[in-house]
């Protein structure tokens, strides 16, 4: 007997801007929930964002499966800040990541 096929969740890639202008990249299946966790500054917030508020969601894009999202996040984290800013303003595309 085979295991039932589970519907895969849609994963998103996002960038959060800190009060000082730094950019943090992450992935999630629920952007509103994850951004709220980051803003709370509690134990579920990324350490890199604790105490760095106010925060702003600068960019988000559907990233496919968990595996695809992880690969995009890995590559995006190696981009320069200028490249990330170009992505945010539309001068670069998600497909370039």
C-alpha atoms as a PDB file:
ATOM      1  CA  UNK A   1       0.000   0.000   0.000  1.00  0.00           C
ATOM      2  CA  UNK A   2       1.349   3.430  -0.883  1.00  0.00           C
ATOM      3  CA  UNK A   3       1.299   6.493   1.326  1.00  0.00           C
ATOM      4  CA  UNK A   4      -1.293   9.149   0.478  1.00  0.00           C
ATOM      5  CA  UNK A   5      -0.028  12.020  -1.642  1.00  0.00           C
ATOM      6  CA  UNK A   6       0.180  15.192   0.412  1.00  0.00           C
ATOM      7  CA  UNK A   7      -0.476  18.553  -1.139  1.00  0.00           C
ATOM      8  CA  UNK A   8       2.743  20.535  -1.023  1.00  0.00           C
ATOM      9  CA  UNK A   9       2.627  23.945   0.595  1.00  0.00           C
ATOM     10  CA  UNK A  10       3.563  26.978  -1.419  1.00  0.00           C
ATOM     11  CA  UNK A  11       6.848  28.468  -0.232  1.00  0.00           C
ATOM     12  CA  UNK A  12       7.733  32.159  -0.439  1.00  0.00           C
ATOM     13  CA  UNK A  13      11.047  33.989  -0.526  1.00  0.00           C
ATOM     14  CA  UNK A  14      11.063  37.358   1.248  1.00  0.00           C
ATOM     15  CA  UNK A  15      13.264  40.285   2.205  1.00  0.00           C
ATOM     16  CA  UNK A  16      12.789  42.295   5.400  1.00  0.00           C
ATOM     17  CA  UNK A  17      14.297  45.771   5.784  1.00  0.00           C
ATOM     18  CA  UNK A  18      15.505  46.869   9.228  1.00  0.00           C
ATOM     19  CA  UNK A  19      15.343  50.405  10.619  1.00  0.00           C
ATOM     20  CA  UNK A  20      18.982  50.935   9.593  1.00  0.00           C
ATOM     21  CA  UNK A  21      18.344  49.729   6.036  1.00  0.00           C
ATOM     22  CA  UNK A  22      19.847  46.235   6.262  1.00  0.00           C
ATOM     23  CA  UNK A  23      18.112  43.452   4.359  1.00  0.00           C
ATOM     24  CA  UNK A  24      17.304  40.002   5.761  1.00  0.00           C
ATOM     25  CA  UNK A  25      16.323  37.131   3.438  1.00  0.00           C
ATOM     26  CA  UNK A  26      14.149  34.210   4.460  1.00  0.00           C
ATOM     27  CA  UNK A  27      11.605  31.650   3.290  1.00  0.00           C
ATOM     28  CA  UNK A  28       8.215  30.689   4.691  1.00  0.00           C
ATOM     29  CA  UNK A  29       4.845  29.183   3.829  1.00  0.00           C
ATOM     30  CA  UNK A  30       2.989  32.036   5.555  1.00  0.00           C
ATOM     31  CA  UNK A  31       4.428  35.521   5.063  1.00  0.00           C
ATOM     32  CA  UNK A  32       2.008  37.340   7.387  1.00  0.00           C
ATOM     33  CA  UNK A  33       2.675  34.928  10.261  1.00  0.00           C
ATOM     34  CA  UNK A  34       6.462  34.924   9.764  1.00  0.00           C
ATOM     35  CA  UNK A  35       6.714  38.706   9.441  1.00  0.00           C
ATOM     36  CA  UNK A  36       4.620  39.060  12.604  1.00  0.00           C
ATOM     37  CA  UNK A  37       7.038  36.701  14.396  1.00  0.00           C
ATOM     38  CA  UNK A  38       9.983  38.822  13.247  1.00  0.00           C
ATOM     39  CA  UNK A  39       8.273  42.031  14.401  1.00  0.00           C
ATOM     40  CA  UNK A  40       7.472  40.580  17.840  1.00  0.00           C
ATOM     41  CA  UNK A  41      11.174  40.124  18.565  1.00  0.00           C
ATOM     42  CA  UNK A  42      10.372  37.016  20.618  1.00  0.00           C
ATOM     43  CA  UNK A  43      11.945  33.587  20.531  1.00  0.00           C
ATOM     44  CA  UNK A  44      10.461  32.855  17.079  1.00  0.00           C
ATOM     45  CA  UNK A  45      12.042  35.948  15.524  1.00  0.00           C
ATOM     46  CA  UNK A  46      15.286  35.551  13.632  1.00  0.00           C
ATOM     47  CA  UNK A  47      18.180  36.566  15.881  1.00  0.00           C
ATOM     48  CA  UNK A  48      19.505  38.797  13.122  1.00  0.00           C
ATOM     49  CA  UNK A  49      16.336  40.908  13.355  1.00  0.00           C
ATOM     50  CA  UNK A  50      15.887  41.143  17.125  1.00  0.00           C
ATOM     51  CA  UNK A  51      16.078  44.745  18.284  1.00  0.00           C
ATOM     52  CA  UNK A  52      16.470  46.024  14.728  1.00  0.00           C
ATOM     53  CA  UNK A  53      12.910  47.385  14.279  1.00  0.00           C
ATOM     54  CA  UNK A  54      10.824  48.835  13.051  1.00  0.00           C
ATOM     55  CA  UNK A  55      10.852  46.272  10.282  1.00  0.00           C
ATOM     56  CA  UNK A  56       9.312  46.475   6.822  1.00  0.00           C
ATOM     57  CA  UNK A  57       8.536  43.694   4.385  1.00  0.00           C
ATOM     58  CA  UNK A  58      10.509  44.875   1.357  1.00  0.00           C
ATOM     59  CA  UNK A  59       9.945  42.004  -1.091  1.00  0.00           C
ATOM     60  CA  UNK A  60       8.163  38.680  -1.414  1.00  0.00           C
ATOM     61  CA  UNK A  61       7.734  36.205  -4.257  1.00  0.00           C
ATOM     62  CA  UNK A  62       6.384  32.645  -4.539  1.00  0.00           C
ATOM     63  CA  UNK A  63       9.361  30.288  -4.639  1.00  0.00           C
ATOM     64  CA  UNK A  64       7.835  26.877  -5.416  1.00  0.00           C
ATOM     65  CA  UNK A  65       8.672  23.837  -3.329  1.00  0.00           C
ATOM     66  CA  UNK A  66      10.671  23.879  -0.104  1.00  0.00           C
ATOM     67  CA  UNK A  67      13.738  22.666  -1.975  1.00  0.00           C
ATOM     68  CA  UNK A  68      13.415  25.350  -4.655  1.00  0.00           C
ATOM     69  CA  UNK A  69      12.873  28.042  -2.010  1.00  0.00           C
ATOM     70  CA  UNK A  70      15.975  26.943  -0.070  1.00  0.00           C
ATOM     71  CA  UNK A  71      18.090  27.118  -3.224  1.00  0.00           C
ATOM     72  CA  UNK A  72      16.788  30.602  -4.108  1.00  0.00           C
ATOM     73  CA  UNK A  73      17.369  31.810  -0.537  1.00  0.00           C
ATOM     74  CA  UNK A  74      20.926  30.445  -0.582  1.00  0.00           C
ATOM     75  CA  UNK A  75      21.704  32.298  -3.817  1.00  0.00           C
ATOM     76  CA  UNK A  76      19.936  35.516  -2.762  1.00  0.00           C
ATOM     77  CA  UNK A  77      21.913  35.669   0.487  1.00  0.00           C
ATOM     78  CA  UNK A  78      25.088  35.815  -1.585  1.00  0.00           C
ATOM     79  CA  UNK A  79      23.905  38.829  -3.590  1.00  0.00           C
ATOM     80  CA  UNK A  80      25.224  42.260  -2.725  1.00  0.00           C
ATOM     81  CA  UNK A  81      22.914  44.795  -1.119  1.00  0.00           C
ATOM     82  CA  UNK A  82      22.817  46.702  -4.428  1.00  0.00           C
ATOM     83  CA  UNK A  83      21.627  43.581  -6.247  1.00  0.00           C
ATOM     84  CA  UNK A  84      18.922  42.990  -3.616  1.00  0.00           C
ATOM     85  CA  UNK A  85      17.807  46.625  -3.885  1.00  0.00           C
ATOM     86  CA  UNK A  86      17.566  46.193  -7.670  1.00  0.00           C
ATOM     87  CA  UNK A  87      15.340  43.162  -7.109  1.00  0.00           C
ATOM     88  CA  UNK A  88      13.109  45.154  -4.746  1.00  0.00           C
ATOM     89  CA  UNK A  89      12.686  48.038  -7.191  1.00  0.00           C
ATOM     90  CA  UNK A  90      12.122  45.740 -10.174  1.00  0.00           C
ATOM     91  CA  UNK A  91      15.393  46.309 -12.009  1.00  0.00           C
ATOM     92  CA  UNK A  92      16.200  42.599 -11.487  1.00  0.00           C
ATOM     93  CA  UNK A  93      13.815  39.659 -11.672  1.00  0.00           C
ATOM     94  CA  UNK A  94      13.119  36.694  -9.421  1.00  0.00           C
ATOM     95  CA  UNK A  95      14.322  34.374 -12.175  1.00  0.00           C
ATOM     96  CA  UNK A  96      17.823  35.897 -11.907  1.00  0.00           C
ATOM     97  CA  UNK A  97      18.262  34.610  -8.364  1.00  0.00           C
END
